[in-house]
Amino acid sequence: MNSFVVAAIAMLVAVVPCGIVVVRGTIMDAVVAYEREGMASTILGQKTSAGLSRQLCGTVSKTVPTAAGSIQGKKYQSSPADWNADAAGNSGFACLKFTMDAPQYYMYSYGVTGSGATGNSFTAQAQGDLNGDGVLSLYQISGSVTTSMTIAVAPNLLVVRPQD
């Protein structure tokens, strides 16, 4: 890797808040999870077919961390159990196959409207309180299922109070 690439990566890491990078990563995980077929394990008979079997990962049952106080002017060290809380139902971050093992400044969530039909949507959020004043910043991005059964993702993040 040449020194220019290393410098560009270092600059990106220094300038781009972690919340933005992780929210975009979560959206890509949602798209990949949707594209992953989840058909029943029954055998199809000859000359029969099965319809598309795509669905959105279900909403997380709890944010990581579960309380904003855990990231109020400080970092939170999550555990694998935080990210796998919904593994039994194959929903949330477990379905997305999304985890973080480094300490985090943001509280993450993922929510869904519907299950994967046309018009159903999902939203990933990162909320932070870098200055510890109790007012949360928000980085949010959404996506929805199109009529061609693909995922359309918003072209921009919704950013509210990035200085908090």
C-alpha atoms as a PDB file:
ATOM      1  CA  MET A   1       0.000   0.000   0.000  1.00  0.00           C
ATOM      2  CA  ASN A   2       1.552   3.329  -0.961  1.00  0.00           C
ATOM      3  CA  SER A   3       1.916   6.198   1.496  1.00  0.00           C
ATOM      4  CA  PHE A   4      -0.769   8.285  -0.261  1.00  0.00           C
ATOM      5  CA  VAL A   5      -3.419   5.605   0.384  1.00  0.00           C
ATOM      6  CA  VAL A   6      -2.334   5.264   4.023  1.00  0.00           C
ATOM      7  CA  ALA A   7      -2.528   9.046   4.480  1.00  0.00           C
ATOM      8  CA  ALA A   8      -5.962   9.208   2.828  1.00  0.00           C
ATOM      9  CA  ILE A   9      -7.309   6.453   5.079  1.00  0.00           C
ATOM     10  CA  ALA A  10      -5.853   8.121   8.172  1.00  0.00           C
ATOM     11  CA  MET A  11      -7.408  11.451   7.163  1.00  0.00           C
ATOM     12  CA  LEU A  12     -10.794   9.799   6.554  1.00  0.00           C
ATOM     13  CA  VAL A  13     -10.720   8.090   9.953  1.00  0.00           C
ATOM     14  CA  ALA A  14      -9.770  11.366  11.641  1.00  0.00           C
ATOM     15  CA  VAL A  15     -12.435  13.459   9.884  1.00  0.00           C
ATOM     16  CA  VAL A  16     -15.444  11.159   9.454  1.00  0.00           C
ATOM     17  CA  PRO A  17     -17.340  10.474  12.686  1.00  0.00           C
ATOM     18  CA  CYS A  18     -17.544   6.796  13.550  1.00  0.00           C
ATOM     19  CA  GLY A  19     -21.341   7.019  13.566  1.00  0.00           C
ATOM     20  CA  ILE A  20     -21.450   7.768   9.842  1.00  0.00           C
ATOM     21  CA  VAL A  21     -19.169   4.905   8.897  1.00  0.00           C
ATOM     22  CA  VAL A  22     -21.047   2.399  11.051  1.00  0.00           C
ATOM     23  CA  VAL A  23     -24.516   3.531   9.930  1.00  0.00           C
ATOM     24  CA  ARG A  24     -23.506   3.103   6.297  1.00  0.00           C
ATOM     25  CA  GLY A  25     -22.029  -0.298   7.161  1.00  0.00           C
ATOM     26  CA  THR A  26     -25.288  -1.338   8.790  1.00  0.00           C
ATOM     27  CA  ILE A  27     -27.247  -0.341   5.680  1.00  0.00           C
ATOM     28  CA  MET A  28     -24.973  -2.446   3.497  1.00  0.00           C
ATOM     29  CA  ASP A  29     -25.482  -5.339   5.940  1.00  0.00           C
ATOM     30  CA  ALA A  30     -29.258  -4.853   5.566  1.00  0.00           C
ATOM     31  CA  VAL A  31     -29.012  -5.021   1.771  1.00  0.00           C
ATOM     32  CA  VAL A  32     -26.863  -8.164   1.905  1.00  0.00           C
ATOM     33  CA  ALA A  33     -29.251  -9.800   4.407  1.00  0.00           C
ATOM     34  CA  TYR A  34     -32.234  -8.995   2.163  1.00  0.00           C
ATOM     35  CA  GLU A  35     -30.519 -10.540  -0.858  1.00  0.00           C
ATOM     36  CA  ARG A  36     -29.753 -13.710   1.134  1.00  0.00           C
ATOM     37  CA  GLU A  37     -32.492 -16.193   0.249  1.00  0.00           C
ATOM     38  CA  GLY A  38     -34.229 -17.816   3.205  1.00  0.00           C
ATOM     39  CA  MET A  39     -36.373 -20.541   1.686  1.00  0.00           C
ATOM     40  CA  ALA A  40     -37.989 -23.330   3.631  1.00  0.00           C
ATOM     41  CA  SER A  41     -35.997 -26.543   3.569  1.00  0.00           C
ATOM     42  CA  THR A  42     -38.686 -28.525   1.775  1.00  0.00           C
ATOM     43  CA  ILE A  43     -37.774 -30.208  -1.479  1.00  0.00           C
ATOM     44  CA  LEU A  44     -39.356 -28.821  -4.627  1.00  0.00           C
ATOM     45  CA  GLY A  45     -40.974 -31.346  -6.909  1.00  0.00           C
ATOM     46  CA  GLN A  46     -39.981 -31.608 -10.537  1.00  0.00           C
ATOM     47  CA  LYS A  47     -41.292 -28.816 -12.731  1.00  0.00           C
ATOM     48  CA  THR A  48     -42.332 -26.727  -9.709  1.00  0.00           C
ATOM     49  CA  SER A  49     -40.946 -23.461  -8.493  1.00  0.00           C
ATOM     50  CA  ALA A  50     -40.791 -21.265  -5.448  1.00  0.00           C
ATOM     51  CA  GLY A  51     -41.201 -17.513  -5.343  1.00  0.00           C
ATOM     52  CA  LEU A  52     -38.646 -15.028  -4.136  1.00  0.00           C
ATOM     53  CA  SER A  53     -37.889 -15.606  -0.505  1.00  0.00           C
ATOM     54  CA  ARG A  54     -36.295 -12.342   0.514  1.00  0.00           C
ATOM     55  CA  GLN A  55     -37.145 -10.524   3.694  1.00  0.00           C
ATOM     56  CA  LEU A  56     -35.780  -7.669   5.745  1.00  0.00           C
ATOM     57  CA  CYS A  57     -34.099  -8.419   9.055  1.00  0.00           C
ATOM     58  CA  GLY A  58     -36.452  -7.635  11.924  1.00  0.00           C
ATOM     59  CA  THR A  59     -36.149  -4.642  14.253  1.00  0.00           C
ATOM     60  CA  VAL A  60     -33.628  -4.832  17.099  1.00  0.00           C
ATOM     61  CA  SER A  61     -35.178  -5.494  20.513  1.00  0.00           C
ATOM     62  CA  LYS A  62     -32.718  -3.111  22.181  1.00  0.00           C
ATOM     63  CA  THR A  63     -30.173  -0.546  21.149  1.00  0.00           C
ATOM     64  CA  VAL A  64     -26.445  -1.061  21.730  1.00  0.00           C
ATOM     65  CA  PRO A  65     -25.819   0.183  24.346  1.00  0.00           C
ATOM     66  CA  THR A  66     -29.298   0.076  25.879  1.00  0.00           C
ATOM     67  CA  ALA A  67     -29.061   3.511  27.522  1.00  0.00           C
ATOM     68  CA  ALA A  68     -27.768   6.861  26.265  1.00  0.00           C
ATOM     69  CA  GLY A  69     -26.015   7.399  29.596  1.00  0.00           C
ATOM     70  CA  SER A  70     -23.509   4.737  28.566  1.00  0.00           C
ATOM     71  CA  ILE A  71     -22.202   6.994  25.761  1.00  0.00           C
ATOM     72  CA  GLN A  72     -22.733  10.384  27.416  1.00  0.00           C
ATOM     73  CA  GLY A  73     -19.312  11.975  26.987  1.00  0.00           C
ATOM     74  CA  LYS A  74     -17.604   8.573  27.039  1.00  0.00           C
ATOM     75  CA  LYS A  75     -17.072   5.347  25.109  1.00  0.00           C
ATOM     76  CA  TYR A  76     -18.976   2.117  25.661  1.00  0.00           C
ATOM     77  CA  GLN A  77     -17.365  -1.309  25.274  1.00  0.00           C
ATOM     78  CA  SER A  78     -20.029  -3.637  23.935  1.00  0.00           C
ATOM     79  CA  SER A  79     -19.985  -7.397  24.247  1.00  0.00           C
ATOM     80  CA  PRO A  80     -20.885  -9.990  21.604  1.00  0.00           C
ATOM     81  CA  ALA A  81     -24.072 -10.663  23.601  1.00  0.00           C
ATOM     82  CA  ASP A  82     -25.211  -7.059  23.000  1.00  0.00           C
ATOM     83  CA  TRP A  83     -25.135  -7.581  19.236  1.00  0.00           C
ATOM     84  CA  ASN A  84     -26.590 -11.094  19.351  1.00  0.00           C
ATOM     85  CA  ALA A  85     -29.569 -10.321  21.603  1.00  0.00           C
ATOM     86  CA  ASP A  86     -32.008 -11.224  18.801  1.00  0.00           C
ATOM     87  CA  ALA A  87     -30.189 -14.299  17.478  1.00  0.00           C
ATOM     88  CA  ALA A  88     -32.924 -16.727  18.577  1.00  0.00           C
ATOM     89  CA  GLY A  89     -35.441 -14.993  16.291  1.00  0.00           C
ATOM     90  CA  ASN A  90     -32.865 -14.311  13.552  1.00  0.00           C
ATOM     91  CA  SER A  91     -33.579 -10.592  13.660  1.00  0.00           C
ATOM     92  CA  GLY A  92     -31.835  -7.359  14.600  1.00  0.00           C
ATOM     93  CA  PHE A  93     -28.065  -7.078  14.522  1.00  0.00           C
ATOM     94  CA  ALA A  94     -27.726 -10.902  14.637  1.00  0.00           C
ATOM     95  CA  CYS A  95     -29.633 -11.231  11.343  1.00  0.00           C
ATOM     96  CA  LEU A  96     -27.598  -8.381   9.870  1.00  0.00           C
ATOM     97  CA  LYS A  97     -24.416 -10.127  11.025  1.00  0.00           C
ATOM     98  CA  PHE A  98     -23.309  -6.763  12.397  1.00  0.00           C
ATOM     99  CA  THR A  99     -21.073  -6.366  15.448  1.00  0.00           C
ATOM    100  CA  MET A 100     -18.487  -3.970  16.809  1.00  0.00           C
ATOM    101  CA  ASP A 101     -15.610  -5.050  18.984  1.00  0.00           C
ATOM    102  CA  ALA A 102     -13.972  -1.645  19.528  1.00  0.00           C
ATOM    103  CA  PRO A 103     -15.213   0.869  22.122  1.00  0.00           C
ATOM    104  CA  GLN A 104     -17.939   3.088  20.666  1.00  0.00           C
ATOM    105  CA  TYR A 105     -19.109   6.692  21.094  1.00  0.00           C
ATOM    106  CA  TYR A 106     -22.545   6.002  19.600  1.00  0.00           C
ATOM    107  CA  MET A 107     -25.719   4.071  20.460  1.00  0.00           C
ATOM    108  CA  TYR A 108     -26.918   2.016  17.484  1.00  0.00           C
ATOM    109  CA  SER A 109     -30.369   0.864  16.417  1.00  0.00           C
ATOM    110  CA  TYR A 110     -32.049  -0.689  13.392  1.00  0.00           C
ATOM    111  CA  GLY A 111     -35.772  -0.684  12.695  1.00  0.00           C
ATOM    112  CA  VAL A 112     -38.070  -2.144  10.049  1.00  0.00           C
ATOM    113  CA  THR A 113     -41.557  -1.404   8.735  1.00  0.00           C
ATOM    114  CA  GLY A 114     -42.954  -4.585   7.164  1.00  0.00           C
ATOM    115  CA  SER A 115     -41.027  -7.714   6.278  1.00  0.00           C
ATOM    116  CA  GLY A 116     -39.748  -7.301   2.736  1.00  0.00           C
ATOM    117  CA  ALA A 117     -42.640  -6.554   0.417  1.00  0.00           C
ATOM    118  CA  THR A 118     -42.674  -3.620  -2.000  1.00  0.00           C
ATOM    119  CA  GLY A 119     -42.648  -0.350  -0.064  1.00  0.00           C
ATOM    120  CA  ASN A 120     -41.429  -1.871   3.221  1.00  0.00           C
ATOM    121  CA  SER A 121     -38.500   0.006   4.689  1.00  0.00           C
ATOM    122  CA  PHE A 122     -35.703  -0.015   7.226  1.00  0.00           C
ATOM    123  CA  THR A 123     -33.712   2.613   9.100  1.00  0.00           C
ATOM    124  CA  ALA A 124     -30.299   2.473  10.772  1.00  0.00           C
ATOM    125  CA  GLN A 125     -29.374   5.054  13.398  1.00  0.00           C
ATOM    126  CA  ALA A 126     -26.353   6.112  15.410  1.00  0.00           C
ATOM    127  CA  GLN A 127     -26.924   8.516  18.284  1.00  0.00           C
ATOM    128  CA  GLY A 128     -24.103  10.089  20.240  1.00  0.00           C
ATOM    129  CA  ASP A 129     -23.382  12.585  22.982  1.00  0.00           C
ATOM    130  CA  LEU A 130     -19.723  13.399  22.493  1.00  0.00           C
ATOM    131  CA  ASN A 131     -19.775  16.507  24.701  1.00  0.00           C
ATOM    132  CA  GLY A 132     -21.748  14.823  27.502  1.00  0.00           C
ATOM    133  CA  ASP A 133     -24.507  17.468  27.696  1.00  0.00           C
ATOM    134  CA  GLY A 134     -27.364  14.952  27.491  1.00  0.00           C
ATOM    135  CA  VAL A 135     -28.431  16.120  24.006  1.00  0.00           C
ATOM    136  CA  LEU A 136     -28.017  13.398  21.394  1.00  0.00           C
ATOM    137  CA  SER A 137     -26.719  13.809  17.866  1.00  0.00           C
ATOM    138  CA  LEU A 138     -28.295  11.637  15.191  1.00  0.00           C
ATOM    139  CA  TYR A 139     -26.964  10.003  12.044  1.00  0.00           C
ATOM    140  CA  GLN A 140     -29.698   8.128  10.177  1.00  0.00           C
ATOM    141  CA  ILE A 141     -30.087   6.438   6.828  1.00  0.00           C
ATOM    142  CA  SER A 142     -33.006   4.528   5.349  1.00  0.00           C
ATOM    143  CA  GLY A 143     -33.785   2.111   2.577  1.00  0.00           C
ATOM    144  CA  SER A 144     -36.878   0.543   1.061  1.00  0.00           C
ATOM    145  CA  VAL A 145     -37.925  -2.378  -1.108  1.00  0.00           C
ATOM    146  CA  THR A 146     -38.663  -1.364  -4.706  1.00  0.00           C
ATOM    147  CA  THR A 147     -41.258  -2.827  -7.078  1.00  0.00           C
ATOM    148  CA  SER A 148     -38.463  -4.890  -8.662  1.00  0.00           C
ATOM    149  CA  MET A 149     -37.781  -6.411  -5.196  1.00  0.00           C
ATOM    150  CA  THR A 150     -34.417  -4.714  -4.798  1.00  0.00           C
ATOM    151  CA  ILE A 151     -33.296  -2.301  -2.105  1.00  0.00           C
ATOM    152  CA  ALA A 152     -33.122   1.444  -2.727  1.00  0.00           C
ATOM    153  CA  VAL A 153     -30.995   3.323  -0.188  1.00  0.00           C
ATOM    154  CA  ALA A 154     -31.279   7.044   0.568  1.00  0.00           C
ATOM    155  CA  PRO A 155     -28.465   8.954  -1.149  1.00  0.00           C
ATOM    156  CA  ASN A 156     -27.652  10.988   1.970  1.00  0.00           C
ATOM    157  CA  LEU A 157     -27.565  10.637   5.709  1.00  0.00           C
ATOM    158  CA  LEU A 158     -29.958  12.576   7.896  1.00  0.00           C
ATOM    159  CA  VAL A 159     -27.637  14.394  10.309  1.00  0.00           C
ATOM    160  CA  VAL A 160     -29.062  16.223  13.332  1.00  0.00           C
ATOM    161  CA  ARG A 161     -26.861  18.073  15.843  1.00  0.00           C
ATOM    162  CA  PRO A 162     -23.544  16.557  14.702  1.00  0.00           C
ATOM    163  CA  GLN A 163     -21.634  18.683  17.217  1.00  0.00           C
ATOM    164  CA  ASP A 164     -23.290  16.907  20.160  1.00  0.00           C
END
